[in-house]
Amino acid sequence: MLYFLIAVAVLLLVYAGVLVSFLRKGRRIPPAAYLVLAGLNGLILAGVITWAVASR
């Protein structure tokens, strides 16, 4: 489970880096990008909660 959380966190950081590069080039962030960010954050949150419950 820890490796899954690390992989999703790295994926989230890479995706955020891509979005920042969009902003630096003067482009707008597409609205669907916010849904992807919310999905990745939800995966991390669900993983942390699952890990916490399973470790009890």
N, C-alpha and C. Protein backbone atom coordinates (compact mmCIF):
# COMPACT_ATOMS: atom_id res chain seq x y z
N MET A 1 0.83 -1.19 0.00
CA MET A 1 0.00 0.00 0.00
C MET A 1 0.88 1.26 0.00
N LEU A 2 1.98 1.19 0.70
CA LEU A 2 2.87 2.35 0.76
C LEU A 2 3.40 2.69 -0.63
N TYR A 3 3.77 1.67 -1.39
CA TYR A 3 4.29 1.92 -2.74
C TYR A 3 3.22 2.52 -3.65
N PHE A 4 1.98 2.10 -3.47
CA PHE A 4 0.88 2.67 -4.23
C PHE A 4 0.73 4.16 -3.92
N LEU A 5 0.79 4.51 -2.63
CA LEU A 5 0.67 5.92 -2.23
C LEU A 5 1.82 6.74 -2.78
N ILE A 6 3.02 6.19 -2.74
CA ILE A 6 4.18 6.90 -3.27
C ILE A 6 4.04 7.11 -4.77
N ALA A 7 3.59 6.08 -5.48
CA ALA A 7 3.43 6.18 -6.93
C ALA A 7 2.38 7.23 -7.30
N VAL A 8 1.27 7.25 -6.59
CA VAL A 8 0.22 8.24 -6.88
C VAL A 8 0.71 9.65 -6.54
N ALA A 9 1.46 9.79 -5.45
CA ALA A 9 1.98 11.10 -5.07
C ALA A 9 2.98 11.61 -6.12
N VAL A 10 3.83 10.73 -6.63
CA VAL A 10 4.77 11.14 -7.68
C VAL A 10 4.01 11.51 -8.95
N LEU A 11 2.99 10.74 -9.28
CA LEU A 11 2.17 11.07 -10.45
C LEU A 11 1.49 12.42 -10.29
N LEU A 12 1.02 12.71 -9.09
CA LEU A 12 0.40 14.00 -8.81
C LEU A 12 1.39 15.14 -8.96
N LEU A 13 2.60 14.96 -8.47
CA LEU A 13 3.63 16.00 -8.60
C LEU A 13 4.01 16.23 -10.06
N VAL A 14 4.13 15.17 -10.83
CA VAL A 14 4.46 15.32 -12.25
C VAL A 14 3.34 16.05 -12.98
N TYR A 15 2.11 15.68 -12.69
CA TYR A 15 0.97 16.32 -13.33
C TYR A 15 0.89 17.80 -12.96
N ALA A 16 1.14 18.11 -11.70
CA ALA A 16 1.15 19.51 -11.27
C ALA A 16 2.27 20.28 -11.98
N GLY A 17 3.40 19.64 -12.18
CA GLY A 17 4.49 20.28 -12.92
C GLY A 17 4.10 20.59 -14.36
N VAL A 18 3.36 19.69 -14.98
CA VAL A 18 2.89 19.93 -16.35
C VAL A 18 1.94 21.11 -16.37
N LEU A 19 1.06 21.19 -15.38
CA LEU A 19 0.12 22.32 -15.33
C LEU A 19 0.84 23.63 -15.08
N VAL A 20 1.86 23.63 -14.26
CA VAL A 20 2.64 24.85 -14.01
C VAL A 20 3.35 25.27 -15.29
N SER A 21 3.85 24.31 -16.06
CA SER A 21 4.50 24.67 -17.32
C SER A 21 3.49 25.30 -18.29
N PHE A 22 2.23 24.84 -18.25
CA PHE A 22 1.19 25.48 -19.06
C PHE A 22 1.06 26.95 -18.68
N LEU A 23 1.02 27.22 -17.37
CA LEU A 23 0.84 28.59 -16.90
C LEU A 23 2.03 29.47 -17.28
N ARG A 24 3.22 28.92 -17.19
CA ARG A 24 4.41 29.71 -17.52
C ARG A 24 4.47 30.07 -19.00
N LYS A 25 3.89 29.22 -19.84
CA LYS A 25 3.86 29.51 -21.27
C LYS A 25 2.72 30.45 -21.63
N GLY A 26 1.90 30.80 -20.65
CA GLY A 26 0.80 31.72 -20.89
C GLY A 26 -0.48 31.05 -21.32
N ARG A 27 -0.53 29.73 -21.27
CA ARG A 27 -1.75 29.03 -21.64
C ARG A 27 -2.66 28.90 -20.43
N ARG A 28 -3.93 28.72 -20.73
CA ARG A 28 -4.89 28.47 -19.64
C ARG A 28 -4.94 26.98 -19.34
N ILE A 29 -5.25 26.67 -18.09
CA ILE A 29 -5.41 25.27 -17.70
C ILE A 29 -6.81 24.82 -18.12
N PRO A 30 -6.91 23.70 -18.83
CA PRO A 30 -8.24 23.23 -19.23
C PRO A 30 -9.07 22.83 -18.02
N PRO A 31 -10.37 23.03 -18.07
CA PRO A 31 -11.23 22.69 -16.93
C PRO A 31 -11.16 21.22 -16.52
N ALA A 32 -10.93 20.32 -17.47
CA ALA A 32 -10.85 18.90 -17.14
C ALA A 32 -9.63 18.58 -16.29
N ALA A 33 -8.62 19.44 -16.33
CA ALA A 33 -7.41 19.22 -15.54
C ALA A 33 -7.72 19.26 -14.05
N TYR A 34 -8.67 20.07 -13.67
CA TYR A 34 -9.05 20.16 -12.26
C TYR A 34 -9.71 18.86 -11.79
N LEU A 35 -10.45 18.21 -12.68
CA LEU A 35 -11.06 16.93 -12.33
C LEU A 35 -9.99 15.85 -12.13
N VAL A 36 -8.95 15.88 -12.96
CA VAL A 36 -7.87 14.92 -12.81
C VAL A 36 -7.14 15.15 -11.50
N LEU A 37 -6.87 16.41 -11.16
CA LEU A 37 -6.23 16.72 -9.88
C LEU A 37 -7.08 16.26 -8.71
N ALA A 38 -8.37 16.49 -8.79
CA ALA A 38 -9.27 16.04 -7.72
C ALA A 38 -9.28 14.52 -7.62
N GLY A 39 -9.24 13.84 -8.73
CA GLY A 39 -9.20 12.38 -8.73
C GLY A 39 -7.93 11.83 -8.10
N LEU A 40 -6.79 12.43 -8.44
CA LEU A 40 -5.53 11.98 -7.84
C LEU A 40 -5.49 12.25 -6.35
N ASN A 41 -5.99 13.41 -5.95
CA ASN A 41 -6.04 13.71 -4.52
C ASN A 41 -6.99 12.75 -3.80
N GLY A 42 -8.10 12.40 -4.44
CA GLY A 42 -9.03 11.44 -3.85
C GLY A 42 -8.41 10.06 -3.70
N LEU A 43 -7.59 9.66 -4.68
CA LEU A 43 -6.90 8.38 -4.58
C LEU A 43 -5.94 8.36 -3.39
N ILE A 44 -5.21 9.45 -3.22
CA ILE A 44 -4.28 9.52 -2.08
C ILE A 44 -5.05 9.49 -0.77
N LEU A 45 -6.12 10.25 -0.68
CA LEU A 45 -6.91 10.28 0.55
C LEU A 45 -7.52 8.92 0.84
N ALA A 46 -8.07 8.27 -0.17
CA ALA A 46 -8.66 6.94 0.04
C ALA A 46 -7.59 5.93 0.45
N GLY A 47 -6.41 6.02 -0.15
CA GLY A 47 -5.33 5.12 0.21
C GLY A 47 -4.85 5.31 1.63
N VAL A 48 -4.73 6.56 2.05
CA VAL A 48 -4.29 6.85 3.43
C VAL A 48 -5.33 6.35 4.43
N ILE A 49 -6.60 6.58 4.15
CA ILE A 49 -7.65 6.11 5.06
C ILE A 49 -7.68 4.59 5.12
N THR A 50 -7.55 3.94 3.96
CA THR A 50 -7.53 2.48 3.92
C THR A 50 -6.34 1.93 4.68
N TRP A 51 -5.19 2.55 4.50
CA TRP A 51 -3.99 2.12 5.20
C TRP A 51 -4.13 2.29 6.71
N ALA A 52 -4.71 3.41 7.12
CA ALA A 52 -4.90 3.65 8.55
C ALA A 52 -5.87 2.65 9.17
N VAL A 53 -6.94 2.35 8.47
CA VAL A 53 -7.92 1.39 9.00
C VAL A 53 -7.33 -0.02 9.03
N ALA A 54 -6.57 -0.37 8.01
CA ALA A 54 -6.00 -1.72 7.94
C ALA A 54 -4.90 -1.94 8.97
N SER A 55 -4.25 -0.89 9.38
CA SER A 55 -3.13 -1.05 10.33
C SER A 55 -3.60 -1.12 11.77
N ARG A 56 -4.88 -0.91 12.05
CA ARG A 56 -5.40 -0.97 13.42
C ARG A 56 -5.53 -2.36 13.91
